[in-house]
């Protein structure tokens, strides 16, 4: 487990940028935290690091998922509006992991054991308030246990 101080949105973006080069196909990044904690900001930084700095990265709150052509390909999911974990497959979660990576906001909508649906290769980040800023706690499963040591912001 590692923790990262995120005093502002730029620091949150940098954390996303630092995660991007470590991603490999079949892996997922799970973003936990209440509304307004910076999950979408972190996601935007990660996606822009994989695509291009001016990539349009809208929140997938209403579309539920946005797909990006990058290396590896990445799909950005917002599962907040799901009512059943199985709905994640209906919007392409399994295909996203077959072809590339999945970045998931509100992974708690996948049930008590997201690994059951996602497999072992995942990075979990929980963002919480910390005074005026935020604190991100990162834990890894599978190859991410070792990759966490390479994560420098």
C-alpha atoms as a PDB file:
ATOM      1  CA  UNK A   1       0.000   0.000   0.000  1.00  0.00           C
ATOM      2  CA  UNK A   2       1.156   3.529  -0.783  1.00  0.00           C
ATOM      3  CA  UNK A   3      -0.310   6.929  -0.036  1.00  0.00           C
ATOM      4  CA  UNK A   4      -0.061  10.111  -2.060  1.00  0.00           C
ATOM      5  CA  UNK A   5      -0.775  13.652  -0.897  1.00  0.00           C
ATOM      6  CA  UNK A   6      -2.944  15.447  -3.435  1.00  0.00           C
ATOM      7  CA  UNK A   7      -3.030  19.093  -2.341  1.00  0.00           C
ATOM      8  CA  UNK A   8      -4.698  20.244  -5.577  1.00  0.00           C
ATOM      9  CA  UNK A   9      -6.101  19.158  -8.935  1.00  0.00           C
ATOM     10  CA  UNK A  10      -2.650  19.352 -10.575  1.00  0.00           C
ATOM     11  CA  UNK A  11      -1.278  16.798  -8.113  1.00  0.00           C
ATOM     12  CA  UNK A  12      -4.265  14.535  -8.809  1.00  0.00           C
ATOM     13  CA  UNK A  13      -3.627  14.841 -12.557  1.00  0.00           C
ATOM     14  CA  UNK A  14       0.065  13.986 -12.026  1.00  0.00           C
ATOM     15  CA  UNK A  15      -0.890  10.801 -10.179  1.00  0.00           C
ATOM     16  CA  UNK A  16      -2.970   9.734 -13.188  1.00  0.00           C
ATOM     17  CA  UNK A  17      -0.066  10.564 -15.503  1.00  0.00           C
ATOM     18  CA  UNK A  18       2.297   8.463 -13.364  1.00  0.00           C
ATOM     19  CA  UNK A  19       0.003   5.423 -13.492  1.00  0.00           C
ATOM     20  CA  UNK A  20      -0.434   5.503 -17.295  1.00  0.00           C
ATOM     21  CA  UNK A  21       2.951   4.123 -18.421  1.00  0.00           C
ATOM     22  CA  UNK A  22       2.662   1.209 -15.996  1.00  0.00           C
ATOM     23  CA  UNK A  23      -0.637  -0.085 -17.432  1.00  0.00           C
ATOM     24  CA  UNK A  24      -0.758  -3.274 -19.477  1.00  0.00           C
ATOM     25  CA  UNK A  25      -3.639  -4.964 -21.341  1.00  0.00           C
ATOM     26  CA  UNK A  26      -6.037  -6.832 -19.078  1.00  0.00           C
ATOM     27  CA  UNK A  27      -5.461  -4.554 -16.103  1.00  0.00           C
ATOM     28  CA  UNK A  28      -7.948  -2.338 -14.347  1.00  0.00           C
ATOM     29  CA  UNK A  29      -7.695   0.790 -12.224  1.00  0.00           C
ATOM     30  CA  UNK A  30     -10.468   1.170  -9.653  1.00  0.00           C
ATOM     31  CA  UNK A  31     -11.209   4.655  -8.332  1.00  0.00           C
ATOM     32  CA  UNK A  32     -13.080   4.888  -5.026  1.00  0.00           C
ATOM     33  CA  UNK A  33     -14.177   8.035  -3.214  1.00  0.00           C
ATOM     34  CA  UNK A  34     -17.192  10.242  -2.627  1.00  0.00           C
ATOM     35  CA  UNK A  35     -18.466  12.770  -5.152  1.00  0.00           C
ATOM     36  CA  UNK A  36     -16.080  15.654  -5.715  1.00  0.00           C
ATOM     37  CA  UNK A  37     -12.906  13.888  -4.545  1.00  0.00           C
ATOM     38  CA  UNK A  38     -11.109  14.058  -7.898  1.00  0.00           C
ATOM     39  CA  UNK A  39     -11.732  10.650  -9.453  1.00  0.00           C
ATOM     40  CA  UNK A  40     -12.526  12.195 -12.846  1.00  0.00           C
ATOM     41  CA  UNK A  41      -9.497  14.496 -12.594  1.00  0.00           C
ATOM     42  CA  UNK A  42      -7.213  11.514 -11.985  1.00  0.00           C
ATOM     43  CA  UNK A  43      -8.885   9.626 -14.849  1.00  0.00           C
ATOM     44  CA  UNK A  44      -8.433  12.593 -17.201  1.00  0.00           C
ATOM     45  CA  UNK A  45      -4.708  12.797 -16.376  1.00  0.00           C
ATOM     46  CA  UNK A  46      -4.243   9.079 -16.979  1.00  0.00           C
ATOM     47  CA  UNK A  47      -6.156   9.052 -20.271  1.00  0.00           C
ATOM     48  CA  UNK A  48      -4.395  12.150 -21.616  1.00  0.00           C
ATOM     49  CA  UNK A  49      -1.027  10.576 -20.760  1.00  0.00           C
ATOM     50  CA  UNK A  50      -1.993   7.570 -22.905  1.00  0.00           C
ATOM     51  CA  UNK A  51      -3.548   9.541 -25.771  1.00  0.00           C
ATOM     52  CA  UNK A  52      -2.567  13.200 -26.202  1.00  0.00           C
ATOM     53  CA  UNK A  53      -2.472  16.211 -23.855  1.00  0.00           C
ATOM     54  CA  UNK A  54      -5.488  17.891 -25.456  1.00  0.00           C
ATOM     55  CA  UNK A  55      -7.668  14.755 -25.661  1.00  0.00           C
ATOM     56  CA  UNK A  56     -11.318  15.519 -24.947  1.00  0.00           C
ATOM     57  CA  UNK A  57     -12.053  13.411 -21.848  1.00  0.00           C
ATOM     58  CA  UNK A  58     -15.673  13.935 -20.789  1.00  0.00           C
ATOM     59  CA  UNK A  59     -16.945  12.238 -17.672  1.00  0.00           C
ATOM     60  CA  UNK A  60     -18.825   9.094 -18.689  1.00  0.00           C
ATOM     61  CA  UNK A  61     -21.533   9.779 -16.100  1.00  0.00           C
ATOM     62  CA  UNK A  62     -24.329   9.668 -18.702  1.00  0.00           C
ATOM     63  CA  UNK A  63     -22.746   7.500 -21.403  1.00  0.00           C
ATOM     64  CA  UNK A  64     -21.439   5.053 -18.737  1.00  0.00           C
ATOM     65  CA  UNK A  65     -18.306   4.327 -20.781  1.00  0.00           C
ATOM     66  CA  UNK A  66     -15.905   6.121 -23.124  1.00  0.00           C
ATOM     67  CA  UNK A  67     -13.384   4.169 -25.224  1.00  0.00           C
ATOM     68  CA  UNK A  68      -9.993   5.615 -26.198  1.00  0.00           C
ATOM     69  CA  UNK A  69      -7.552   4.396 -28.796  1.00  0.00           C
ATOM     70  CA  UNK A  70      -4.182   4.362 -27.101  1.00  0.00           C
ATOM     71  CA  UNK A  71      -1.383   1.965 -26.290  1.00  0.00           C
ATOM     72  CA  UNK A  72      -2.818   0.055 -24.528  1.00  0.00           C
ATOM     73  CA  UNK A  73      -6.423   0.873 -25.423  1.00  0.00           C
ATOM     74  CA  UNK A  74      -8.355   2.140 -22.413  1.00  0.00           C
ATOM     75  CA  UNK A  75     -12.033   2.305 -21.533  1.00  0.00           C
ATOM     76  CA  UNK A  76     -13.237   4.769 -18.884  1.00  0.00           C
ATOM     77  CA  UNK A  77     -16.288   3.484 -16.993  1.00  0.00           C
ATOM     78  CA  UNK A  78     -18.526   5.380 -14.581  1.00  0.00           C
ATOM     79  CA  UNK A  79     -20.666   2.741 -12.892  1.00  0.00           C
ATOM     80  CA  UNK A  80     -22.554   5.088 -10.564  1.00  0.00           C
ATOM     81  CA  UNK A  81     -25.869   4.561 -12.341  1.00  0.00           C
ATOM     82  CA  UNK A  82     -25.696   0.756 -12.548  1.00  0.00           C
ATOM     83  CA  UNK A  83     -28.335  -1.097 -10.579  1.00  0.00           C
ATOM     84  CA  UNK A  84     -26.823  -4.593 -10.971  1.00  0.00           C
ATOM     85  CA  UNK A  85     -23.152  -5.660 -11.271  1.00  0.00           C
ATOM     86  CA  UNK A  86     -23.929  -7.690 -14.419  1.00  0.00           C
ATOM     87  CA  UNK A  87     -24.837  -4.489 -16.260  1.00  0.00           C
ATOM     88  CA  UNK A  88     -21.103  -3.778 -16.487  1.00  0.00           C
ATOM     89  CA  UNK A  89     -20.815  -6.582 -19.031  1.00  0.00           C
ATOM     90  CA  UNK A  90     -23.699  -5.138 -21.033  1.00  0.00           C
ATOM     91  CA  UNK A  91     -21.701  -1.921 -21.520  1.00  0.00           C
ATOM     92  CA  UNK A  92     -18.506  -3.712 -22.540  1.00  0.00           C
ATOM     93  CA  UNK A  93     -16.370  -4.278 -19.437  1.00  0.00           C
ATOM     94  CA  UNK A  94     -15.256  -7.752 -20.482  1.00  0.00           C
ATOM     95  CA  UNK A  95     -14.379  -6.603 -24.026  1.00  0.00           C
ATOM     96  CA  UNK A  96     -12.435  -3.638 -22.643  1.00  0.00           C
ATOM     97  CA  UNK A  97     -10.267  -5.968 -20.557  1.00  0.00           C
ATOM     98  CA  UNK A  98      -9.830  -8.410 -23.446  1.00  0.00           C
ATOM     99  CA  UNK A  99      -8.504  -5.623 -25.691  1.00  0.00           C
ATOM    100  CA  UNK A 100      -6.884  -3.221 -23.246  1.00  0.00           C
ATOM    101  CA  UNK A 101      -7.403  -1.643 -19.833  1.00  0.00           C
ATOM    102  CA  UNK A 102     -10.374  -0.479 -17.803  1.00  0.00           C
ATOM    103  CA  UNK A 103     -10.459   2.652 -15.668  1.00  0.00           C
ATOM    104  CA  UNK A 104     -13.462   2.381 -13.356  1.00  0.00           C
ATOM    105  CA  UNK A 105     -15.127   5.050 -11.253  1.00  0.00           C
ATOM    106  CA  UNK A 106     -17.598   3.736  -8.661  1.00  0.00           C
ATOM    107  CA  UNK A 107     -16.297   0.128  -8.762  1.00  0.00           C
ATOM    108  CA  UNK A 108     -18.357  -0.635  -5.636  1.00  0.00           C
ATOM    109  CA  UNK A 109     -21.252  -1.078  -8.083  1.00  0.00           C
ATOM    110  CA  UNK A 110     -19.544  -4.338  -9.112  1.00  0.00           C
ATOM    111  CA  UNK A 111     -20.373  -5.837  -5.715  1.00  0.00           C
ATOM    112  CA  UNK A 112     -18.336  -6.780  -2.674  1.00  0.00           C
ATOM    113  CA  UNK A 113     -15.621  -8.550  -4.696  1.00  0.00           C
ATOM    114  CA  UNK A 114     -14.760  -6.590  -7.882  1.00  0.00           C
ATOM    115  CA  UNK A 115     -11.895  -8.996  -8.548  1.00  0.00           C
ATOM    116  CA  UNK A 116     -14.479 -11.668  -9.321  1.00  0.00           C
ATOM    117  CA  UNK A 117     -15.461  -9.676 -12.411  1.00  0.00           C
ATOM    118  CA  UNK A 118     -12.133  -8.014 -13.193  1.00  0.00           C
ATOM    119  CA  UNK A 119      -9.487 -10.638 -12.575  1.00  0.00           C
ATOM    120  CA  UNK A 120      -6.320 -10.330 -10.533  1.00  0.00           C
ATOM    121  CA  UNK A 121      -4.502  -7.510 -12.322  1.00  0.00           C
ATOM    122  CA  UNK A 122      -5.756  -4.316 -10.738  1.00  0.00           C
ATOM    123  CA  UNK A 123      -4.786  -1.133  -8.975  1.00  0.00           C
ATOM    124  CA  UNK A 124      -7.205   0.235  -6.397  1.00  0.00           C
ATOM    125  CA  UNK A 125      -7.090   3.912  -5.463  1.00  0.00           C
ATOM    126  CA  UNK A 126      -9.225   5.422  -2.739  1.00  0.00           C
ATOM    127  CA  UNK A 127      -9.346   9.214  -2.559  1.00  0.00           C
ATOM    128  CA  UNK A 128     -10.446  10.926   0.653  1.00  0.00           C
ATOM    129  CA  UNK A 129     -10.429  14.434   2.094  1.00  0.00           C
ATOM    130  CA  UNK A 130      -7.258  15.441   3.899  1.00  0.00           C
ATOM    131  CA  UNK A 131      -7.515  18.942   5.299  1.00  0.00           C
ATOM    132  CA  UNK A 132      -7.729  21.328   2.344  1.00  0.00           C
ATOM    133  CA  UNK A 133      -6.523  18.658  -0.092  1.00  0.00           C
ATOM    134  CA  UNK A 134      -6.926  14.955  -0.714  1.00  0.00           C
ATOM    135  CA  UNK A 135      -5.105  11.764   0.189  1.00  0.00           C
ATOM    136  CA  UNK A 136      -4.954   8.854  -2.257  1.00  0.00           C
ATOM    137  CA  UNK A 137      -4.353   5.361  -0.926  1.00  0.00           C
ATOM    138  CA  UNK A 138      -3.218   2.849  -3.545  1.00  0.00           C
ATOM    139  CA  UNK A 139      -3.170  -0.927  -3.239  1.00  0.00           C
ATOM    140  CA  UNK A 140      -2.221  -3.416  -5.896  1.00  0.00           C
ATOM    141  CA  UNK A 141      -3.315  -6.923  -6.782  1.00  0.00           C
ATOM    142  CA  UNK A 142      -1.504  -9.248  -9.154  1.00  0.00           C
ATOM    143  CA  UNK A 143       1.349  -7.505 -10.972  1.00  0.00           C
ATOM    144  CA  UNK A 144       0.326  -4.209  -9.355  1.00  0.00           C
ATOM    145  CA  UNK A 145       1.776  -5.355  -6.032  1.00  0.00           C
ATOM    146  CA  UNK A 146       5.247  -4.877  -7.577  1.00  0.00           C
ATOM    147  CA  UNK A 147       4.311  -1.995  -9.890  1.00  0.00           C
ATOM    148  CA  UNK A 148       3.299   0.149  -6.911  1.00  0.00           C
ATOM    149  CA  UNK A 149       6.993   0.418  -6.047  1.00  0.00           C
ATOM    150  CA  UNK A 150       7.579   2.005  -9.465  1.00  0.00           C
ATOM    151  CA  UNK A 151       4.841   4.606  -8.993  1.00  0.00           C
ATOM    152  CA  UNK A 152       6.478   7.968  -8.355  1.00  0.00           C
ATOM    153  CA  UNK A 153       4.604  11.242  -8.430  1.00  0.00           C
END
